[in-house]
Amino acid sequence: MPTRTLSITEEAYMALKASKKEGESFTDVILRLTGNKGSAKRLLEMMDEMHSPELADNIEQASKEFRKNFKTRDVEL
């Protein structure tokens, strides 16, 4: 992949550095912060950010309750 050299102020560099997550490159940070919408990588990042075992448990519990309370009825045509 081709690369580019950018000149930024020290303030901008510090802001970018502060936005970095563990294991992220500056390229990753820039793409994340600029809303690189539509990419599969961004979708996976968003899913990772939203991951919550508590949320998954709540969804599973609600699904079980729905199935338990779901009633079918016979309809004659």
PDB file of N, CA and C in Angstrom:
ATOM      1  N   MET A   1       0.856  -1.175   0.000  1.00  0.00           N
ATOM      2  CA  MET A   1       0.000   0.000   0.000  1.00  0.00           C
ATOM      3  C   MET A   1       0.900   1.235   0.000  1.00  0.00           C
ATOM      4  N   PRO A   2       0.627   2.199  -0.864  1.00  0.00           N
ATOM      5  CA  PRO A   2       1.439   3.413  -0.885  1.00  0.00           C
ATOM      6  C   PRO A   2       1.257   4.201   0.405  1.00  0.00           C
ATOM      7  N   THR A   3       2.254   4.983   0.755  1.00  0.00           N
ATOM      8  CA  THR A   3       2.179   5.812   1.961  1.00  0.00           C
ATOM      9  C   THR A   3       2.398   7.271   1.592  1.00  0.00           C
ATOM     10  N   ARG A   4       1.994   8.155   2.491  1.00  0.00           N
ATOM     11  CA  ARG A   4       2.168   9.605   2.320  1.00  0.00           C
ATOM     12  C   ARG A   4       2.761  10.155   3.613  1.00  0.00           C
ATOM     13  N   THR A   5       3.534  11.192   3.491  1.00  0.00           N
ATOM     14  CA  THR A   5       4.078  11.882   4.655  1.00  0.00           C
ATOM     15  C   THR A   5       3.263  13.153   4.858  1.00  0.00           C
ATOM     16  N   LEU A   6       2.794  13.347   6.104  1.00  0.00           N
ATOM     17  CA  LEU A   6       1.982  14.526   6.425  1.00  0.00           C
ATOM     18  C   LEU A   6       2.700  15.371   7.467  1.00  0.00           C
ATOM     19  N   SER A   7       2.537  16.654   7.389  1.00  0.00           N
ATOM     20  CA  SER A   7       3.041  17.559   8.419  1.00  0.00           C
ATOM     21  C   SER A   7       1.846  18.051   9.216  1.00  0.00           C
ATOM     22  N   ILE A   8       1.893  17.851  10.520  1.00  0.00           N
ATOM     23  CA  ILE A   8       0.813  18.319  11.403  1.00  0.00           C
ATOM     24  C   ILE A   8       1.441  19.038  12.585  1.00  0.00           C
ATOM     25  N   THR A   9       0.646  19.845  13.250  1.00  0.00           N
ATOM     26  CA  THR A   9       1.148  20.558  14.419  1.00  0.00           C
ATOM     27  C   THR A   9       1.334  19.583  15.576  1.00  0.00           C
ATOM     28  N   GLU A  10       2.098  20.010  16.546  1.00  0.00           N
ATOM     29  CA  GLU A  10       2.308  19.194  17.747  1.00  0.00           C
ATOM     30  C   GLU A  10       0.976  18.943  18.452  1.00  0.00           C
ATOM     31  N   GLU A  11       0.121  19.948  18.471  1.00  0.00           N
ATOM     32  CA  GLU A  11      -1.203  19.808  19.092  1.00  0.00           C
ATOM     33  C   GLU A  11      -2.017  18.730  18.388  1.00  0.00           C
ATOM     34  N   ALA A  12      -2.004  18.736  17.056  1.00  0.00           N
ATOM     35  CA  ALA A  12      -2.738  17.727  16.297  1.00  0.00           C
ATOM     36  C   ALA A  12      -2.150  16.337  16.537  1.00  0.00           C
ATOM     37  N   TYR A  13      -0.825  16.252  16.583  1.00  0.00           N
ATOM     38  CA  TYR A  13      -0.168  14.968  16.842  1.00  0.00           C
ATOM     39  C   TYR A  13      -0.580  14.416  18.204  1.00  0.00           C
ATOM     40  N   MET A  14      -0.577  15.272  19.223  1.00  0.00           N
ATOM     41  CA  MET A  14      -0.937  14.828  20.579  1.00  0.00           C
ATOM     42  C   MET A  14      -2.396  14.382  20.634  1.00  0.00           C
ATOM     43  N   ALA A  15      -3.278  15.084  19.919  1.00  0.00           N
ATOM     44  CA  ALA A  15      -4.687  14.703  19.883  1.00  0.00           C
ATOM     45  C   ALA A  15      -4.854  13.357  19.188  1.00  0.00           C
ATOM     46  N   LEU A  16      -4.125  13.162  18.101  1.00  0.00           N
ATOM     47  CA  LEU A  16      -4.188  11.895  17.372  1.00  0.00           C
ATOM     48  C   LEU A  16      -3.632  10.765  18.227  1.00  0.00           C
ATOM     49  N   LYS A  17      -2.512  11.023  18.879  1.00  0.00           N
ATOM     50  CA  LYS A  17      -1.876  10.022  19.741  1.00  0.00           C
ATOM     51  C   LYS A  17      -2.805   9.643  20.894  1.00  0.00           C
ATOM     52  N   ALA A  18      -3.490  10.626  21.464  1.00  0.00           N
ATOM     53  CA  ALA A  18      -4.410  10.362  22.574  1.00  0.00           C
ATOM     54  C   ALA A  18      -5.612   9.541  22.133  1.00  0.00           C
ATOM     55  N   SER A  19      -5.931   9.594  20.852  1.00  0.00           N
ATOM     56  CA  SER A  19      -7.079   8.854  20.325  1.00  0.00           C
ATOM     57  C   SER A  19      -6.750   7.407  19.979  1.00  0.00           C
ATOM     58  N   LYS A  20      -5.459   7.074  19.973  1.00  0.00           N
ATOM     59  CA  LYS A  20      -5.048   5.718  19.602  1.00  0.00           C
ATOM     60  C   LYS A  20      -5.507   4.711  20.639  1.00  0.00           C
ATOM     61  N   LYS A  21      -6.007   3.594  20.150  1.00  0.00           N
ATOM     62  CA  LYS A  21      -6.340   2.472  21.012  1.00  0.00           C
ATOM     63  C   LYS A  21      -5.183   1.484  20.945  1.00  0.00           C
ATOM     64  N   GLU A  22      -5.123   0.581  21.892  1.00  0.00           N
ATOM     65  CA  GLU A  22      -4.043  -0.392  21.928  1.00  0.00           C
ATOM     66  C   GLU A  22      -3.981  -1.169  20.611  1.00  0.00           C
ATOM     67  N   GLY A  23      -2.780  -1.246  20.039  1.00  0.00           N
ATOM     68  CA  GLY A  23      -2.579  -2.000  18.812  1.00  0.00           C
ATOM     69  C   GLY A  23      -2.972  -1.265  17.537  1.00  0.00           C
ATOM     70  N   GLU A  24      -3.438  -0.032  17.665  1.00  0.00           N
ATOM     71  CA  GLU A  24      -3.886   0.739  16.515  1.00  0.00           C
ATOM     72  C   GLU A  24      -2.724   1.555  15.943  1.00  0.00           C
ATOM     73  N   SER A  25      -2.665   1.629  14.638  1.00  0.00           N
ATOM     74  CA  SER A  25      -1.690   2.503  13.981  1.00  0.00           C
ATOM     75  C   SER A  25      -2.324   3.883  13.828  1.00  0.00           C
ATOM     76  N   PHE A  26      -1.489   4.868  13.470  1.00  0.00           N
ATOM     77  CA  PHE A  26      -2.042   6.195  13.216  1.00  0.00           C
ATOM     78  C   PHE A  26      -3.005   6.156  12.021  1.00  0.00           C
ATOM     79  N   THR A  27      -2.702   5.324  11.044  1.00  0.00           N
ATOM     80  CA  THR A  27      -3.616   5.161   9.905  1.00  0.00           C
ATOM     81  C   THR A  27      -4.969   4.657  10.380  1.00  0.00           C
ATOM     82  N   ASP A  28      -4.951   3.646  11.266  1.00  0.00           N
ATOM     83  CA  ASP A  28      -6.204   3.108  11.809  1.00  0.00           C
ATOM     84  C   ASP A  28      -6.994   4.196  12.531  1.00  0.00           C
ATOM     85  N   VAL A  29      -6.292   5.012  13.316  1.00  0.00           N
ATOM     86  CA  VAL A  29      -6.959   6.089  14.066  1.00  0.00           C
ATOM     87  C   VAL A  29      -7.605   7.083  13.110  1.00  0.00           C
ATOM     88  N   ILE A  30      -6.855   7.500  12.109  1.00  0.00           N
ATOM     89  CA  ILE A  30      -7.381   8.480  11.145  1.00  0.00           C
ATOM     90  C   ILE A  30      -8.612   7.929  10.435  1.00  0.00           C
ATOM     91  N   LEU A  31      -8.538   6.673  10.000  1.00  0.00           N
ATOM     92  CA  LEU A  31      -9.691   6.084   9.309  1.00  0.00           C
ATOM     93  C   LEU A  31     -10.886   5.959  10.248  1.00  0.00           C
ATOM     94  N   ARG A  32     -10.639   5.587  11.501  1.00  0.00           N
ATOM     95  CA  ARG A  32     -11.737   5.466  12.465  1.00  0.00           C
ATOM     96  C   ARG A  32     -12.362   6.826  12.742  1.00  0.00           C
ATOM     97  N   LEU A  33     -11.542   7.821  12.957  1.00  0.00           N
ATOM     98  CA  LEU A  33     -12.050   9.153  13.311  1.00  0.00           C
ATOM     99  C   LEU A  33     -12.700   9.875  12.135  1.00  0.00           C
ATOM    100  N   THR A  34     -12.316   9.538  10.938  1.00  0.00           N
ATOM    101  CA  THR A  34     -12.905  10.205   9.774  1.00  0.00           C
ATOM    102  C   THR A  34     -14.143   9.482   9.272  1.00  0.00           C
ATOM    103  N   GLY A  35     -14.561   8.444  10.001  1.00  0.00           N
ATOM    104  CA  GLY A  35     -15.802   7.769   9.642  1.00  0.00           C
ATOM    105  C   GLY A  35     -15.708   7.010   8.346  1.00  0.00           C
ATOM    106  N   ASN A  36     -14.718   6.175   8.217  1.00  0.00           N
ATOM    107  CA  ASN A  36     -14.545   5.352   7.013  1.00  0.00           C
ATOM    108  C   ASN A  36     -15.725   4.393   6.904  1.00  0.00           C
ATOM    109  N   LYS A  37     -16.889   4.954   6.571  1.00  0.00           N
ATOM    110  CA  LYS A  37     -18.131   4.188   6.535  1.00  0.00           C
ATOM    111  C   LYS A  37     -18.167   3.259   5.337  1.00  0.00           C
ATOM    112  N   GLY A  38     -18.815   2.124   5.535  1.00  0.00           N
ATOM    113  CA  GLY A  38     -19.013   1.211   4.434  1.00  0.00           C
ATOM    114  C   GLY A  38     -17.968   0.124   4.329  1.00  0.00           C
ATOM    115  N   SER A  39     -16.921   0.184   5.145  1.00  0.00           N
ATOM    116  CA  SER A  39     -15.898  -0.848   5.041  1.00  0.00           C
ATOM    117  C   SER A  39     -16.206  -1.984   6.006  1.00  0.00           C
ATOM    118  N   ALA A  40     -15.851  -3.171   5.603  1.00  0.00           N
ATOM    119  CA  ALA A  40     -16.063  -4.341   6.451  1.00  0.00           C
ATOM    120  C   ALA A  40     -15.231  -4.218   7.721  1.00  0.00           C
ATOM    121  N   LYS A  41     -14.027  -3.661   7.599  1.00  0.00           N
ATOM    122  CA  LYS A  41     -13.170  -3.500   8.771  1.00  0.00           C
ATOM    123  C   LYS A  41     -13.854  -2.594   9.798  1.00  0.00           C
ATOM    124  N   ARG A  42     -14.455  -1.505   9.343  1.00  0.00           N
ATOM    125  CA  ARG A  42     -15.131  -0.585  10.262  1.00  0.00           C
ATOM    126  C   ARG A  42     -16.323  -1.253  10.925  1.00  0.00           C
ATOM    127  N   LEU A  43     -17.045  -2.076  10.186  1.00  0.00           N
ATOM    128  CA  LEU A  43     -18.176  -2.801  10.752  1.00  0.00           C
ATOM    129  C   LEU A  43     -17.703  -3.714  11.874  1.00  0.00           C
ATOM    130  N   LEU A  44     -16.621  -4.431  11.644  1.00  0.00           N
ATOM    131  CA  LEU A  44     -16.080  -5.313  12.676  1.00  0.00           C
ATOM    132  C   LEU A  44     -15.601  -4.526  13.883  1.00  0.00           C
ATOM    133  N   GLU A  45     -14.995  -3.357  13.651  1.00  0.00           N
ATOM    134  CA  GLU A  45     -14.561  -2.515  14.761  1.00  0.00           C
ATOM    135  C   GLU A  45     -15.752  -2.047  15.583  1.00  0.00           C
ATOM    136  N   MET A  46     -16.818  -1.640  14.911  1.00  0.00           N
ATOM    137  CA  MET A  46     -18.014  -1.175  15.615  1.00  0.00           C
ATOM    138  C   MET A  46     -18.624  -2.303  16.433  1.00  0.00           C
ATOM    139  N   MET A  47     -18.661  -3.499  15.858  1.00  0.00           N
ATOM    140  CA  MET A  47     -19.215  -4.640  16.589  1.00  0.00           C
ATOM    141  C   MET A  47     -18.376  -4.934  17.819  1.00  0.00           C
ATOM    142  N   ASP A  48     -17.057  -4.806  17.685  1.00  0.00           N
ATOM    143  CA  ASP A  48     -16.172  -5.042  18.817  1.00  0.00           C
ATOM    144  C   ASP A  48     -16.385  -3.993  19.897  1.00  0.00           C
ATOM    145  N   GLU A  49     -16.566  -2.732  19.483  1.00  0.00           N
ATOM    146  CA  GLU A  49     -16.802  -1.648  20.435  1.00  0.00           C
ATOM    147  C   GLU A  49     -18.124  -1.823  21.175  1.00  0.00           C
ATOM    148  N   MET A  50     -19.127  -2.377  20.501  1.00  0.00           N
ATOM    149  CA  MET A  50     -20.454  -2.534  21.089  1.00  0.00           C
ATOM    150  C   MET A  50     -20.591  -3.829  21.883  1.00  0.00           C
ATOM    151  N   HIS A  51     -19.611  -4.729  21.786  1.00  0.00           N
ATOM    152  CA  HIS A  51     -19.708  -6.036  22.432  1.00  0.00           C
ATOM    153  C   HIS A  51     -19.901  -5.874  23.937  1.00  0.00           C
ATOM    154  N   SER A  52     -20.880  -6.544  24.439  1.00  0.00           N
ATOM    155  CA  SER A  52     -21.162  -6.506  25.864  1.00  0.00           C
ATOM    156  C   SER A  52     -21.753  -7.846  26.268  1.00  0.00           C
ATOM    157  N   PRO A  53     -21.042  -8.610  27.110  1.00  0.00           N
ATOM    158  CA  PRO A  53     -21.609  -9.890  27.567  1.00  0.00           C
ATOM    159  C   PRO A  53     -22.967  -9.700  28.238  1.00  0.00           C
ATOM    160  N   GLU A  54     -23.134  -8.597  28.954  1.00  0.00           N
ATOM    161  CA  GLU A  54     -24.409  -8.329  29.624  1.00  0.00           C
ATOM    162  C   GLU A  54     -25.523  -8.124  28.597  1.00  0.00           C
ATOM    163  N   LEU A  55     -25.240  -7.383  27.532  1.00  0.00           N
ATOM    164  CA  LEU A  55     -26.226  -7.171  26.476  1.00  0.00           C
ATOM    165  C   LEU A  55     -26.596  -8.495  25.825  1.00  0.00           C
ATOM    166  N   ALA A  56     -25.594  -9.326  25.535  1.00  0.00           N
ATOM    167  CA  ALA A  56     -25.856 -10.632  24.919  1.00  0.00           C
ATOM    168  C   ALA A  56     -26.725 -11.489  25.829  1.00  0.00           C
ATOM    169  N   ASP A  57     -26.441 -11.473  27.126  1.00  0.00           N
ATOM    170  CA  ASP A  57     -27.249 -12.243  28.077  1.00  0.00           C
ATOM    171  C   ASP A  57     -28.683 -11.737  28.125  1.00  0.00           C
ATOM    172  N   ASN A  58     -28.851 -10.416  28.108  1.00  0.00           N
ATOM    173  CA  ASN A  58     -30.196  -9.832  28.140  1.00  0.00           C
ATOM    174  C   ASN A  58     -30.988 -10.202  26.888  1.00  0.00           C
ATOM    175  N   ILE A  59     -30.335 -10.169  25.739  1.00  0.00           N
ATOM    176  CA  ILE A  59     -31.007 -10.533  24.491  1.00  0.00           C
ATOM    177  C   ILE A  59     -31.393 -12.003  24.515  1.00  0.00           C
ATOM    178  N   GLU A  60     -30.495 -12.843  24.989  1.00  0.00           N
ATOM    179  CA  GLU A  60     -30.792 -14.281  25.067  1.00  0.00           C
ATOM    180  C   GLU A  60     -31.961 -14.544  26.012  1.00  0.00           C
ATOM    181  N   GLN A  61     -31.981 -13.883  27.158  1.00  0.00           N
ATOM    182  CA  GLN A  61     -33.065 -14.060  28.129  1.00  0.00           C
ATOM    183  C   GLN A  61     -34.401 -13.591  27.550  1.00  0.00           C
ATOM    184  N   ALA A  62     -34.398 -12.447  26.876  1.00  0.00           N
ATOM    185  CA  ALA A  62     -35.620 -11.935  26.274  1.00  0.00           C
ATOM    186  C   ALA A  62     -36.125 -12.880  25.190  1.00  0.00           C
ATOM    187  N   SER A  63     -35.212 -13.461  24.428  1.00  0.00           N
ATOM    188  CA  SER A  63     -35.588 -14.403  23.379  1.00  0.00           C
ATOM    189  C   SER A  63     -36.231 -15.644  23.978  1.00  0.00           C
ATOM    190  N   LYS A  64     -35.653 -16.147  25.070  1.00  0.00           N
ATOM    191  CA  LYS A  64     -36.219 -17.324  25.741  1.00  0.00           C
ATOM    192  C   LYS A  64     -37.619 -17.027  26.269  1.00  0.00           C
ATOM    193  N   GLU A  65     -37.782 -15.854  26.870  1.00  0.00           N
ATOM    194  CA  GLU A  65     -39.085 -15.465  27.399  1.00  0.00           C
ATOM    195  C   GLU A  65     -40.109 -15.345  26.275  1.00  0.00           C
ATOM    196  N   PHE A  66     -39.705 -14.754  25.166  1.00  0.00           N
ATOM    197  CA  PHE A  66     -40.611 -14.600  24.031  1.00  0.00           C
ATOM    198  C   PHE A  66     -41.063 -15.970  23.531  1.00  0.00           C
ATOM    199  N   ARG A  67     -40.108 -16.886  23.352  1.00  0.00           N
ATOM    200  CA  ARG A  67     -40.463 -18.225  22.857  1.00  0.00           C
ATOM    201  C   ARG A  67     -41.362 -18.967  23.847  1.00  0.00           C
ATOM    202  N   LYS A  68     -41.109 -18.793  25.143  1.00  0.00           N
ATOM    203  CA  LYS A  68     -41.910 -19.457  26.164  1.00  0.00           C
ATOM    204  C   LYS A  68     -43.348 -18.938  26.150  1.00  0.00           C
ATOM    205  N   ASN A  69     -43.512 -17.643  25.928  1.00  0.00           N
ATOM    206  CA  ASN A  69     -44.833 -17.018  25.976  1.00  0.00           C
ATOM    207  C   ASN A  69     -45.547 -16.983  24.628  1.00  0.00           C
ATOM    208  N   PHE A  70     -44.872 -17.378  23.579  1.00  0.00           N
ATOM    209  CA  PHE A  70     -45.457 -17.349  22.252  1.00  0.00           C
ATOM    210  C   PHE A  70     -46.507 -18.432  22.124  1.00  0.00           C
ATOM    211  N   LYS A  71     -47.685 -18.055  21.707  1.00  0.00           N
ATOM    212  CA  LYS A  71     -48.775 -19.006  21.552  1.00  0.00           C
ATOM    213  C   LYS A  71     -49.222 -19.019  20.093  1.00  0.00           C
ATOM    214  N   THR A  72     -49.501 -20.210  19.634  1.00  0.00           N
ATOM    215  CA  THR A  72     -50.020 -20.314  18.271  1.00  0.00           C
ATOM    216  C   THR A  72     -51.510 -20.582  18.344  1.00  0.00           C
ATOM    217  N   ARG A  73     -52.185 -20.317  17.282  1.00  0.00           N
ATOM    218  CA  ARG A  73     -53.605 -20.590  17.240  1.00  0.00           C
ATOM    219  C   ARG A  73     -53.948 -21.251  15.934  1.00  0.00           C
ATOM    220  N   ASP A  74     -54.928 -22.060  15.965  1.00  0.00           N
ATOM    221  CA  ASP A  74     -55.397 -22.731  14.751  1.00  0.00           C
ATOM    222  C   ASP A  74     -56.379 -21.805  14.039  1.00  0.00           C
ATOM    223  N   VAL A  75     -56.176 -21.697  12.759  1.00  0.00           N
ATOM    224  CA  VAL A  75     -57.042 -20.841  11.944  1.00  0.00           C
ATOM    225  C   VAL A  75     -57.577 -21.693  10.800  1.00  0.00           C
ATOM    226  N   GLU A  76     -58.876 -21.656  10.659  1.00  0.00           N
ATOM    227  CA  GLU A  76     -59.485 -22.383   9.540  1.00  0.00           C
ATOM    228  C   GLU A  76     -59.725 -21.403   8.411  1.00  0.00           C
ATOM    229  N   LEU A  77     -59.386 -21.872   7.216  1.00  0.00           N
ATOM    230  CA  LEU A  77     -59.619 -21.036   6.045  1.00  0.00           C
ATOM    231  C   LEU A  77     -60.816 -21.535   5.263  1.00  0.00           C
TER     232      LEU A  77
END
